[in-house]
PDB file of N, CA and C in Angstrom:
ATOM      1  N   UNK A   1      82.470 161.097 146.531  1.00  0.00           N
ATOM      2  CA  UNK A   1      82.021 159.742 146.458  1.00  0.00           C
ATOM      3  C   UNK A   1      82.335 158.992 147.734  1.00  0.00           C
ATOM      4  N   UNK A   2      81.908 159.545 148.824  1.00  0.00           N
ATOM      5  CA  UNK A   2      82.158 158.925 150.107  1.00  0.00           C
ATOM      6  C   UNK A   2      80.982 158.068 150.546  1.00  0.00           C
ATOM      7  N   UNK A   3      80.106 157.694 149.618  1.00  0.00           N
ATOM      8  CA  UNK A   3      78.942 156.905 149.935  1.00  0.00           C
ATOM      9  C   UNK A   3      79.350 155.474 150.259  1.00  0.00           C
ATOM     10  N   UNK A   4      78.843 154.948 151.385  1.00  0.00           N
ATOM     11  CA  UNK A   4      79.167 153.593 151.790  1.00  0.00           C
ATOM     12  C   UNK A   4      78.297 152.617 151.001  1.00  0.00           C
ATOM     13  N   UNK A   5      78.813 151.388 150.790  1.00  0.00           N
ATOM     14  CA  UNK A   5      78.066 150.400 150.020  1.00  0.00           C
ATOM     15  C   UNK A   5      76.830 149.922 150.758  1.00  0.00           C
ATOM     16  N   UNK A   6      76.765 150.105 152.086  1.00  0.00           N
ATOM     17  CA  UNK A   6      75.577 149.712 152.834  1.00  0.00           C
ATOM     18  C   UNK A   6      74.386 150.600 152.483  1.00  0.00           C
ATOM     19  N   UNK A   7      74.653 151.816 152.036  1.00  0.00           N
ATOM     20  CA  UNK A   7      73.602 152.766 151.713  1.00  0.00           C
ATOM     21  C   UNK A   7      73.151 152.667 150.264  1.00  0.00           C
ATOM     22  N   UNK A   8      73.776 151.828 149.464  1.00  0.00           N
ATOM     23  CA  UNK A   8      73.496 151.750 148.035  1.00  0.00           C
ATOM     24  C   UNK A   8      72.551 150.591 147.767  1.00  0.00           C
ATOM     25  N   UNK A   9      71.466 150.871 147.054  1.00  0.00           N
ATOM     26  CA  UNK A   9      70.547 149.812 146.652  1.00  0.00           C
ATOM     27  C   UNK A   9      71.020 149.143 145.370  1.00  0.00           C
ATOM     28  N   UNK A  10      70.468 147.972 145.078  1.00  0.00           N
ATOM     29  CA  UNK A  10      70.886 147.222 143.893  1.00  0.00           C
ATOM     30  C   UNK A  10      70.709 148.018 142.609  1.00  0.00           C
ATOM     31  N   UNK A  11      69.635 148.790 142.512  1.00  0.00           N
ATOM     32  CA  UNK A  11      69.333 149.506 141.278  1.00  0.00           C
ATOM     33  C   UNK A  11      69.817 150.952 141.287  1.00  0.00           C
ATOM     34  N   UNK A  12      70.503 151.354 142.348  1.00  0.00           N
ATOM     35  CA  UNK A  12      71.073 152.700 142.412  1.00  0.00           C
ATOM     36  C   UNK A  12      72.341 152.767 141.566  1.00  0.00           C
ATOM     37  N   UNK A  13      72.732 153.974 141.137  1.00  0.00           N
ATOM     38  CA  UNK A  13      74.012 154.104 140.415  1.00  0.00           C
ATOM     39  C   UNK A  13      75.167 153.680 141.309  1.00  0.00           C
ATOM     40  N   UNK A  14      76.152 153.038 140.725  1.00  0.00           N
ATOM     41  CA  UNK A  14      77.304 152.560 141.491  1.00  0.00           C
ATOM     42  C   UNK A  14      78.127 153.750 141.989  1.00  0.00           C
ATOM     43  N   UNK A  15      78.571 153.724 143.246  1.00  0.00           N
ATOM     44  CA  UNK A  15      79.341 154.841 143.785  1.00  0.00           C
ATOM     45  C   UNK A  15      80.728 154.996 143.168  1.00  0.00           C
ATOM     46  N   UNK A  16      81.157 154.048 142.315  1.00  0.00           N
ATOM     47  CA  UNK A  16      82.478 154.192 141.691  1.00  0.00           C
ATOM     48  C   UNK A  16      82.466 155.229 140.581  1.00  0.00           C
ATOM     49  N   UNK A  17      81.269 155.619 140.130  1.00  0.00           N
ATOM     50  CA  UNK A  17      81.180 156.635 139.097  1.00  0.00           C
ATOM     51  C   UNK A  17      81.132 156.087 137.690  1.00  0.00           C
ATOM     52  N   UNK A  18      80.919 154.787 137.525  1.00  0.00           N
ATOM     53  CA  UNK A  18      80.907 154.182 136.192  1.00  0.00           C
ATOM     54  C   UNK A  18      79.642 154.508 135.420  1.00  0.00           C
ATOM     55  N   UNK A  19      78.570 154.851 136.121  1.00  0.00           N
ATOM     56  CA  UNK A  19      77.298 155.114 135.476  1.00  0.00           C
ATOM     57  C   UNK A  19      76.420 153.878 135.397  1.00  0.00           C
ATOM     58  N   UNK A  20      76.951 152.712 135.730  1.00  0.00           N
ATOM     59  CA  UNK A  20      76.179 151.471 135.726  1.00  0.00           C
ATOM     60  C   UNK A  20      75.435 151.327 137.042  1.00  0.00           C
ATOM     61  N   UNK A  21      74.433 150.446 137.020  1.00  0.00           N
ATOM     62  CA  UNK A  21      73.755 150.121 138.267  1.00  0.00           C
ATOM     63  C   UNK A  21      74.723 149.355 139.160  1.00  0.00           C
ATOM     64  N   UNK A  22      74.522 149.511 140.456  1.00  0.00           N
ATOM     65  CA  UNK A  22      75.403 148.855 141.424  1.00  0.00           C
ATOM     66  C   UNK A  22      75.389 147.339 141.250  1.00  0.00           C
ATOM     67  N   UNK A  23      74.239 146.750 140.928  1.00  0.00           N
ATOM     68  CA  UNK A  23      74.142 145.299 140.790  1.00  0.00           C
ATOM     69  C   UNK A  23      74.931 144.785 139.593  1.00  0.00           C
ATOM     70  N   UNK A  24      75.156 145.612 138.579  1.00  0.00           N
ATOM     71  CA  UNK A  24      75.927 145.202 137.405  1.00  0.00           C
ATOM     72  C   UNK A  24      77.395 145.573 137.508  1.00  0.00           C
ATOM     73  N   UNK A  25      77.741 146.374 138.482  1.00  0.00           N
ATOM     74  CA  UNK A  25      79.107 146.885 138.557  1.00  0.00           C
ATOM     75  C   UNK A  25      79.891 146.260 139.717  1.00  0.00           C
ATOM     76  N   UNK A  26      79.541 146.562 140.955  1.00  0.00           N
ATOM     77  CA  UNK A  26      80.351 146.149 142.096  1.00  0.00           C
ATOM     78  C   UNK A  26      79.632 145.266 143.121  1.00  0.00           C
ATOM     79  N   UNK A  27      78.376 144.921 142.906  1.00  0.00           N
ATOM     80  CA  UNK A  27      77.656 144.101 143.872  1.00  0.00           C
ATOM     81  C   UNK A  27      78.292 142.721 143.972  1.00  0.00           C
ATOM     82  N   UNK A  28      78.681 142.336 145.163  1.00  0.00           N
ATOM     83  CA  UNK A  28      79.269 141.025 145.399  1.00  0.00           C
ATOM     84  C   UNK A  28      80.755 140.944 145.126  1.00  0.00           C
ATOM     85  N   UNK A  29      81.382 142.036 144.783  1.00  0.00           N
ATOM     86  CA  UNK A  29      82.821 142.031 144.531  1.00  0.00           C
ATOM     87  C   UNK A  29      83.555 142.515 145.772  1.00  0.00           C
ATOM     88  N   UNK A  30      84.784 142.078 145.917  1.00  0.00           N
ATOM     89  CA  UNK A  30      85.589 142.392 147.101  1.00  0.00           C
ATOM     90  C   UNK A  30      86.024 143.846 147.154  1.00  0.00           C
ATOM     91  N   UNK A  31      86.331 144.446 146.007  1.00  0.00           N
ATOM     92  CA  UNK A  31      86.901 145.795 146.002  1.00  0.00           C
ATOM     93  C   UNK A  31      85.864 146.824 146.403  1.00  0.00           C
ATOM     94  N   UNK A  32      86.320 147.931 146.895  1.00  0.00           N
ATOM     95  CA  UNK A  32      85.463 149.002 147.380  1.00  0.00           C
ATOM     96  C   UNK A  32      85.053 149.893 146.218  1.00  0.00           C
ATOM     97  N   UNK A  33      83.756 149.966 145.875  1.00  0.00           N
ATOM     98  CA  UNK A  33      83.348 150.794 144.744  1.00  0.00           C
ATOM     99  C   UNK A  33      83.501 152.280 145.021  1.00  0.00           C
ATOM    100  N   UNK A  34      83.531 152.671 146.291  1.00  0.00           N
ATOM    101  CA  UNK A  34      83.687 154.085 146.612  1.00  0.00           C
ATOM    102  C   UNK A  34      85.091 154.582 146.278  1.00  0.00           C
ATOM    103  N   UNK A  35      86.031 153.654 146.064  1.00  0.00           N
ATOM    104  CA  UNK A  35      87.390 154.056 145.703  1.00  0.00           C
ATOM    105  C   UNK A  35      87.425 154.650 144.304  1.00  0.00           C
ATOM    106  N   UNK A  36      86.469 154.285 143.458  1.00  0.00           N
ATOM    107  CA  UNK A  36      86.349 154.876 142.139  1.00  0.00           C
ATOM    108  C   UNK A  36      87.304 154.285 141.133  1.00  0.00           C
ATOM    109  N   UNK A  37      87.327 154.908 139.967  1.00  0.00           N
ATOM    110  CA  UNK A  37      88.127 154.410 138.855  1.00  0.00           C
ATOM    111  C   UNK A  37      89.622 154.628 139.067  1.00  0.00           C
ATOM    112  N   UNK A  38      89.997 155.482 140.007  1.00  0.00           N
ATOM    113  CA  UNK A  38      91.409 155.760 140.242  1.00  0.00           C
ATOM    114  C   UNK A  38      92.071 154.739 141.155  1.00  0.00           C
ATOM    115  N   UNK A  39      91.313 153.788 141.672  1.00  0.00           N
ATOM    116  CA  UNK A  39      91.882 152.769 142.550  1.00  0.00           C
ATOM    117  C   UNK A  39      92.796 151.847 141.744  1.00  0.00           C
ATOM    118  N   UNK A  40      93.930 151.484 142.320  1.00  0.00           N
ATOM    119  CA  UNK A  40      94.893 150.618 141.656  1.00  0.00           C
ATOM    120  C   UNK A  40      94.706 149.211 142.191  1.00  0.00           C
ATOM    121  N   UNK A  41      94.393 148.280 141.310  1.00  0.00           N
ATOM    122  CA  UNK A  41      94.191 146.904 141.739  1.00  0.00           C
ATOM    123  C   UNK A  41      95.527 146.175 141.795  1.00  0.00           C
ATOM    124  N   UNK A  42      95.531 145.039 142.476  1.00  0.00           N
ATOM    125  CA  UNK A  42      96.756 144.250 142.553  1.00  0.00           C
ATOM    126  C   UNK A  42      97.115 143.689 141.186  1.00  0.00           C
ATOM    127  N   UNK A  43      96.104 143.465 140.327  1.00  0.00           N
ATOM    128  CA  UNK A  43      96.354 142.974 138.973  1.00  0.00           C
ATOM    129  C   UNK A  43      97.161 143.994 138.170  1.00  0.00           C
ATOM    130  N   UNK A  44      96.833 145.271 138.291  1.00  0.00           N
ATOM    131  CA  UNK A  44      97.578 146.285 137.552  1.00  0.00           C
ATOM    132  C   UNK A  44      98.979 146.468 138.126  1.00  0.00           C
ATOM    133  N   UNK A  45      99.135 146.235 139.412  1.00  0.00           N
ATOM    134  CA  UNK A  45     100.478 146.302 140.003  1.00  0.00           C
ATOM    135  C   UNK A  45     101.357 145.187 139.473  1.00  0.00           C
ATOM    136  N   UNK A  46     100.780 143.993 139.316  1.00  0.00           N
ATOM    137  CA  UNK A  46     101.540 142.858 138.794  1.00  0.00           C
ATOM    138  C   UNK A  46     101.948 143.109 137.347  1.00  0.00           C
ATOM    139  N   UNK A  47     101.028 143.584 136.520  1.00  0.00           N
ATOM    140  CA  UNK A  47     101.377 143.840 135.118  1.00  0.00           C
ATOM    141  C   UNK A  47     102.418 144.946 135.003  1.00  0.00           C
ATOM    142  N   UNK A  48     102.313 145.961 135.849  1.00  0.00           N
ATOM    143  CA  UNK A  48     103.318 147.022 135.837  1.00  0.00           C
ATOM    144  C   UNK A  48     104.678 146.473 136.259  1.00  0.00           C
ATOM    145  N   UNK A  49     104.694 145.617 137.272  1.00  0.00           N
ATOM    146  CA  UNK A  49     105.957 145.025 137.728  1.00  0.00           C
ATOM    147  C   UNK A  49     106.583 144.156 136.640  1.00  0.00           C
ATOM    148  N   UNK A  50     105.771 143.395 135.918  1.00  0.00           N
ATOM    149  CA  UNK A  50     106.304 142.561 134.832  1.00  0.00           C
ATOM    150  C   UNK A  50     106.870 143.434 133.717  1.00  0.00           C
ATOM    151  N   UNK A  51     106.172 144.509 133.363  1.00  0.00           N
ATOM    152  CA  UNK A  51     106.664 145.404 132.314  1.00  0.00           C
ATOM    153  C   UNK A  51     107.971 146.083 132.730  1.00  0.00           C
ATOM    154  N   UNK A  52     108.050 146.514 133.985  1.00  0.00           N
ATOM    155  CA  UNK A  52     109.279 147.152 134.474  1.00  0.00           C
ATOM    156  C   UNK A  52     110.423 146.140 134.511  1.00  0.00           C
ATOM    157  N   UNK A  53     110.128 144.906 134.952  1.00  0.00           N
ATOM    158  CA  UNK A  53     111.166 143.874 134.970  1.00  0.00           C
ATOM    159  C   UNK A  53     111.653 143.559 133.562  1.00  0.00           C
ATOM    160  N   UNK A  54     110.747 143.551 132.599  1.00  0.00           N
ATOM    161  CA  UNK A  54     111.143 143.333 131.209  1.00  0.00           C
ATOM    162  C   UNK A  54     112.020 144.446 130.682  1.00  0.00           C
ATOM    163  N   UNK A  55     111.684 145.682 131.033  1.00  0.00           N
ATOM    164  CA  UNK A  55     112.500 146.809 130.607  1.00  0.00           C
ATOM    165  C   UNK A  55     113.889 146.753 131.249  1.00  0.00           C
ATOM    166  N   UNK A  56     113.949 146.391 132.523  1.00  0.00           N
ATOM    167  CA  UNK A  56     115.250 146.275 133.207  1.00  0.00           C
ATOM    168  C   UNK A  56     116.069 145.149 132.601  1.00  0.00           C
ATOM    169  N   UNK A  57     115.425 144.012 132.322  1.00  0.00           N
ATOM    170  CA  UNK A  57     116.117 142.906 131.675  1.00  0.00           C
ATOM    171  C   UNK A  57     116.659 143.330 130.311  1.00  0.00           C
ATOM    172  N   UNK A  58     115.876 144.091 129.579  1.00  0.00           N
ATOM    173  CA  UNK A  58     116.335 144.587 128.287  1.00  0.00           C
ATOM    174  C   UNK A  58     117.548 145.488 128.416  1.00  0.00           C
ATOM    175  N   UNK A  59     117.569 146.345 129.426  1.00  0.00           N
ATOM    176  CA  UNK A  59     118.717 147.230 129.642  1.00  0.00           C
ATOM    177  C   UNK A  59     119.954 146.429 130.028  1.00  0.00           C
ATOM    178  N   UNK A  60     119.758 145.447 130.916  1.00  0.00           N
ATOM    179  CA  UNK A  60     120.895 144.605 131.325  1.00  0.00           C
ATOM    180  C   UNK A  60     121.453 143.842 130.131  1.00  0.00           C
ATOM    181  N   UNK A  61     120.586 143.271 129.325  1.00  0.00           N
ATOM    182  CA  UNK A  61     121.053 142.545 128.140  1.00  0.00           C
ATOM    183  C   UNK A  61     121.700 143.484 127.124  1.00  0.00           C
ATOM    184  N   UNK A  62     121.192 144.696 127.000  1.00  0.00           N
ATOM    185  CA  UNK A  62     121.783 145.655 126.075  1.00  0.00           C
ATOM    186  C   UNK A  62     123.202 146.004 126.494  1.00  0.00           C
ATOM    187  N   UNK A  63     123.441 146.131 127.794  1.00  0.00           N
ATOM    188  CA  UNK A  63     124.771 146.482 128.287  1.00  0.00           C
ATOM    189  C   UNK A  63     125.727 145.296 128.184  1.00  0.00           C
ATOM    190  N   UNK A  64     125.228 144.097 128.522  1.00  0.00           N
ATOM    191  CA  UNK A  64     126.126 142.939 128.587  1.00  0.00           C
ATOM    192  C   UNK A  64     126.253 142.184 127.273  1.00  0.00           C
ATOM    193  N   UNK A  65     125.175 142.075 126.495  1.00  0.00           N
ATOM    194  CA  UNK A  65     125.189 141.231 125.301  1.00  0.00           C
ATOM    195  C   UNK A  65     125.084 141.997 123.987  1.00  0.00           C
ATOM    196  N   UNK A  66     124.681 143.228 124.034  1.00  0.00           N
ATOM    197  CA  UNK A  66     124.542 144.017 122.815  1.00  0.00           C
ATOM    198  C   UNK A  66     123.185 144.690 122.760  1.00  0.00           C
ATOM    199  N   UNK A  67     123.160 145.821 122.090  1.00  0.00           N
ATOM    200  CA  UNK A  67     121.939 146.630 122.051  1.00  0.00           C
ATOM    201  C   UNK A  67     120.794 145.922 121.335  1.00  0.00           C
ATOM    202  N   UNK A  68     121.092 145.185 120.282  1.00  0.00           N
ATOM    203  CA  UNK A  68     120.031 144.543 119.514  1.00  0.00           C
ATOM    204  C   UNK A  68     119.255 143.535 120.358  1.00  0.00           C
ATOM    205  N   UNK A  69     119.976 142.690 121.083  1.00  0.00           N
ATOM    206  CA  UNK A  69     119.326 141.686 121.928  1.00  0.00           C
ATOM    207  C   UNK A  69     118.555 142.353 123.065  1.00  0.00           C
ATOM    208  N   UNK A  70     119.124 143.366 123.665  1.00  0.00           N
ATOM    209  CA  UNK A  70     118.443 144.060 124.761  1.00  0.00           C
ATOM    210  C   UNK A  70     117.158 144.719 124.317  1.00  0.00           C
ATOM    211  N   UNK A  71     117.200 145.373 123.160  1.00  0.00           N
ATOM    212  CA  UNK A  71     115.991 146.025 122.645  1.00  0.00           C
ATOM    213  C   UNK A  71     114.946 144.980 122.265  1.00  0.00           C
ATOM    214  N   UNK A  72     115.380 143.892 121.661  1.00  0.00           N
ATOM    215  CA  UNK A  72     114.436 142.853 121.250  1.00  0.00           C
ATOM    216  C   UNK A  72     113.752 142.203 122.450  1.00  0.00           C
ATOM    217  N   UNK A  73     114.521 141.813 123.450  1.00  0.00           N
ATOM    218  CA  UNK A  73     113.944 141.128 124.611  1.00  0.00           C
ATOM    219  C   UNK A  73     113.117 142.093 125.453  1.00  0.00           C
ATOM    220  N   UNK A  74     113.677 143.227 125.818  1.00  0.00           N
ATOM    221  CA  UNK A  74     112.947 144.190 126.649  1.00  0.00           C
ATOM    222  C   UNK A  74     111.706 144.729 125.959  1.00  0.00           C
ATOM    223  N   UNK A  75     111.872 145.098 124.702  1.00  0.00           N
ATOM    224  CA  UNK A  75     110.718 145.611 123.956  1.00  0.00           C
ATOM    225  C   UNK A  75     109.651 144.557 123.753  1.00  0.00           C
ATOM    226  N   UNK A  76     110.072 143.318 123.513  1.00  0.00           N
ATOM    227  CA  UNK A  76     109.111 142.233 123.335  1.00  0.00           C
ATOM    228  C   UNK A  76     108.299 141.978 124.588  1.00  0.00           C
ATOM    229  N   UNK A  77     108.947 141.987 125.738  1.00  0.00           N
ATOM    230  CA  UNK A  77     108.229 141.765 126.996  1.00  0.00           C
ATOM    231  C   UNK A  77     107.267 142.916 127.274  1.00  0.00           C
ATOM    232  N   UNK A  78     107.723 144.137 127.085  1.00  0.00           N
ATOM    233  CA  UNK A  78     106.862 145.293 127.335  1.00  0.00           C
ATOM    234  C   UNK A  78     105.679 145.294 126.368  1.00  0.00           C
ATOM    235  N   UNK A  79     105.899 144.972 125.089  1.00  0.00           N
ATOM    236  CA  UNK A  79     104.798 144.914 124.126  1.00  0.00           C
ATOM    237  C   UNK A  79     103.826 143.783 124.448  1.00  0.00           C
ATOM    238  N   UNK A  80     104.342 142.633 124.864  1.00  0.00           N
ATOM    239  CA  UNK A  80     103.464 141.513 125.218  1.00  0.00           C
ATOM    240  C   UNK A  80     102.585 141.857 126.416  1.00  0.00           C
ATOM    241  N   UNK A  81     103.158 142.476 127.424  1.00  0.00           N
ATOM    242  CA  UNK A  81     102.368 142.877 128.593  1.00  0.00           C
ATOM    243  C   UNK A  81     101.342 143.936 128.187  1.00  0.00           C
ATOM    244  N   UNK A  82     101.738 144.875 127.358  1.00  0.00           N
ATOM    245  CA  UNK A  82     100.796 145.896 126.888  1.00  0.00           C
ATOM    246  C   UNK A  82      99.644 145.303 126.101  1.00  0.00           C
ATOM    247  N   UNK A  83      99.936 144.344 125.232  1.00  0.00           N
ATOM    248  CA  UNK A  83      98.875 143.694 124.463  1.00  0.00           C
ATOM    249  C   UNK A  83      97.938 142.920 125.381  1.00  0.00           C
ATOM    250  N   UNK A  84      98.495 142.255 126.396  1.00  0.00           N
ATOM    251  CA  UNK A  84      97.658 141.514 127.329  1.00  0.00           C
ATOM    252  C   UNK A  84      96.732 142.460 128.088  1.00  0.00           C
ATOM    253  N   UNK A  85      97.233 143.599 128.511  1.00  0.00           N
ATOM    254  CA  UNK A  85      96.416 144.570 129.236  1.00  0.00           C
ATOM    255  C   UNK A  85      95.287 145.088 128.347  1.00  0.00           C
ATOM    256  N   UNK A  86      95.579 145.335 127.092  1.00  0.00           N
ATOM    257  CA  UNK A  86      94.575 145.880 126.183  1.00  0.00           C
ATOM    258  C   UNK A  86      93.506 144.847 125.840  1.00  0.00           C
ATOM    259  N   UNK A  87      93.912 143.613 125.566  1.00  0.00           N
ATOM    260  CA  UNK A  87      92.985 142.617 125.047  1.00  0.00           C
ATOM    261  C   UNK A  87      92.403 141.661 126.084  1.00  0.00           C
ATOM    262  N   UNK A  88      92.710 141.824 127.371  1.00  0.00           N
ATOM    263  CA  UNK A  88      92.228 140.871 128.361  1.00  0.00           C
ATOM    264  C   UNK A  88      90.753 141.036 128.680  1.00  0.00           C
ATOM    265  N   UNK A  89      90.173 142.187 128.439  1.00  0.00           N
ATOM    266  CA  UNK A  89      88.776 142.422 128.767  1.00  0.00           C
ATOM    267  C   UNK A  89      88.071 143.063 127.569  1.00  0.00           C
ATOM    268  N   UNK A  90      87.719 142.266 126.539  1.00  0.00           N
ATOM    269  CA  UNK A  90      87.085 142.852 125.360  1.00  0.00           C
ATOM    270  C   UNK A  90      85.668 143.314 125.659  1.00  0.00           C
ATOM    271  N   UNK A  91      85.149 144.247 124.889  1.00  0.00           N
ATOM    272  CA  UNK A  91      83.783 144.716 125.126  1.00  0.00           C
ATOM    273  C   UNK A  91      82.782 143.623 124.772  1.00  0.00           C
ATOM    274  N   UNK A  92      81.594 143.656 125.386  1.00  0.00           N
ATOM    275  CA  UNK A  92      80.588 142.647 125.062  1.00  0.00           C
ATOM    276  C   UNK A  92      80.050 142.859 123.654  1.00  0.00           C
ATOM    277  N   UNK A  93      79.605 141.779 122.997  1.00  0.00           N
ATOM    278  CA  UNK A  93      79.056 141.938 121.643  1.00  0.00           C
ATOM    279  C   UNK A  93      77.734 142.685 121.690  1.00  0.00           C
ATOM    280  N   UNK A  94      77.423 143.369 120.611  1.00  0.00           N
ATOM    281  CA  UNK A  94      76.160 144.082 120.531  1.00  0.00           C
ATOM    282  C   UNK A  94      75.023 143.082 120.394  1.00  0.00           C
ATOM    283  N   UNK A  95      73.896 143.435 120.971  1.00  0.00           N
ATOM    284  CA  UNK A  95      72.738 142.559 120.832  1.00  0.00           C
ATOM    285  C   UNK A  95      71.902 143.009 119.642  1.00  0.00           C
ATOM    286  N   UNK A  96      71.247 142.072 119.020  1.00  0.00           N
ATOM    287  CA  UNK A  96      70.430 142.401 117.855  1.00  0.00           C
ATOM    288  C   UNK A  96      71.264 142.414 116.594  1.00  0.00           C
ATOM    289  N   UNK A  97      70.906 141.577 115.645  1.00  0.00           N
ATOM    290  CA  UNK A  97      71.702 141.456 114.430  1.00  0.00           C
ATOM    291  C   UNK A  97      71.241 142.333 113.302  1.00  0.00           C
ATOM    292  N   UNK A  98      70.284 143.244 113.544  1.00  0.00           N
ATOM    293  CA  UNK A  98      69.783 144.066 112.446  1.00  0.00           C
ATOM    294  C   UNK A  98      70.752 145.170 112.063  1.00  0.00           C
ATOM    295  N   UNK A  99      71.631 145.528 112.937  1.00  0.00           N
ATOM    296  CA  UNK A  99      72.612 146.582 112.663  1.00  0.00           C
ATOM    297  C   UNK A  99      73.815 145.971 111.971  1.00  0.00           C
ATOM    298  N   UNK A 100      74.210 146.458 110.781  1.00  0.00           N
ATOM    299  CA  UNK A 100      75.371 145.879 110.101  1.00  0.00           C
ATOM    300  C   UNK A 100      76.668 146.047 110.876  1.00  0.00           C
ATOM    301  N   UNK A 101      76.696 146.995 111.806  1.00  0.00           N
ATOM    302  CA  UNK A 101      77.904 147.193 112.604  1.00  0.00           C
ATOM    303  C   UNK A 101      77.940 146.275 113.815  1.00  0.00           C
ATOM    304  N   UNK A 102      76.889 145.469 114.011  1.00  0.00           N
ATOM    305  CA  UNK A 102      76.822 144.561 115.156  1.00  0.00           C
ATOM    306  C   UNK A 102      77.578 143.277 114.823  1.00  0.00           C
ATOM    307  N   UNK A 103      78.880 143.352 114.846  1.00  0.00           N
ATOM    308  CA  UNK A 103      79.710 142.205 114.536  1.00  0.00           C
ATOM    309  C   UNK A 103      79.755 141.300 115.752  1.00  0.00           C
ATOM    310  N   UNK A 104      79.509 140.017 115.553  1.00  0.00           N
ATOM    311  CA  UNK A 104      79.531 139.054 116.645  1.00  0.00           C
ATOM    312  C   UNK A 104      80.911 138.434 116.714  1.00  0.00           C
ATOM    313  N   UNK A 105      81.618 138.647 117.823  1.00  0.00           N
ATOM    314  CA  UNK A 105      82.961 138.113 118.001  1.00  0.00           C
ATOM    315  C   UNK A 105      82.930 136.810 118.789  1.00  0.00           C
ATOM    316  N   UNK A 106      81.852 136.061 118.672  1.00  0.00           N
ATOM    317  CA  UNK A 106      81.772 134.769 119.331  1.00  0.00           C
ATOM    318  C   UNK A 106      81.237 134.828 120.739  1.00  0.00           C
ATOM    319  N   UNK A 107      80.692 135.964 121.141  1.00  0.00           N
ATOM    320  CA  UNK A 107      80.212 136.115 122.512  1.00  0.00           C
ATOM    321  C   UNK A 107      78.881 135.642 122.664  1.00  0.00           C
TER     322      UNK A 107
END
């Protein structure tokens, strides 16, 4: 996937490998689509740093204040960050209401 974005047309498949058209995937975005799905964004680095800091805080509190408080605080921070990562980008709602499985989540 060494294709440069200058060589990609709007309706061509995106070089990141998502299978979407370039215009729906990476057109006009700062990040390099040729980096692919394995590229680590600064957003994921921040969430990882917050989760690691929460785990370290939990260990420090477990040693200094007791295991229950350390597990509660550290685990709570790690779970909150995990939930945010999972739910921050929900899938788009299905179009067409004829399918009973097409639940509209307000989109």
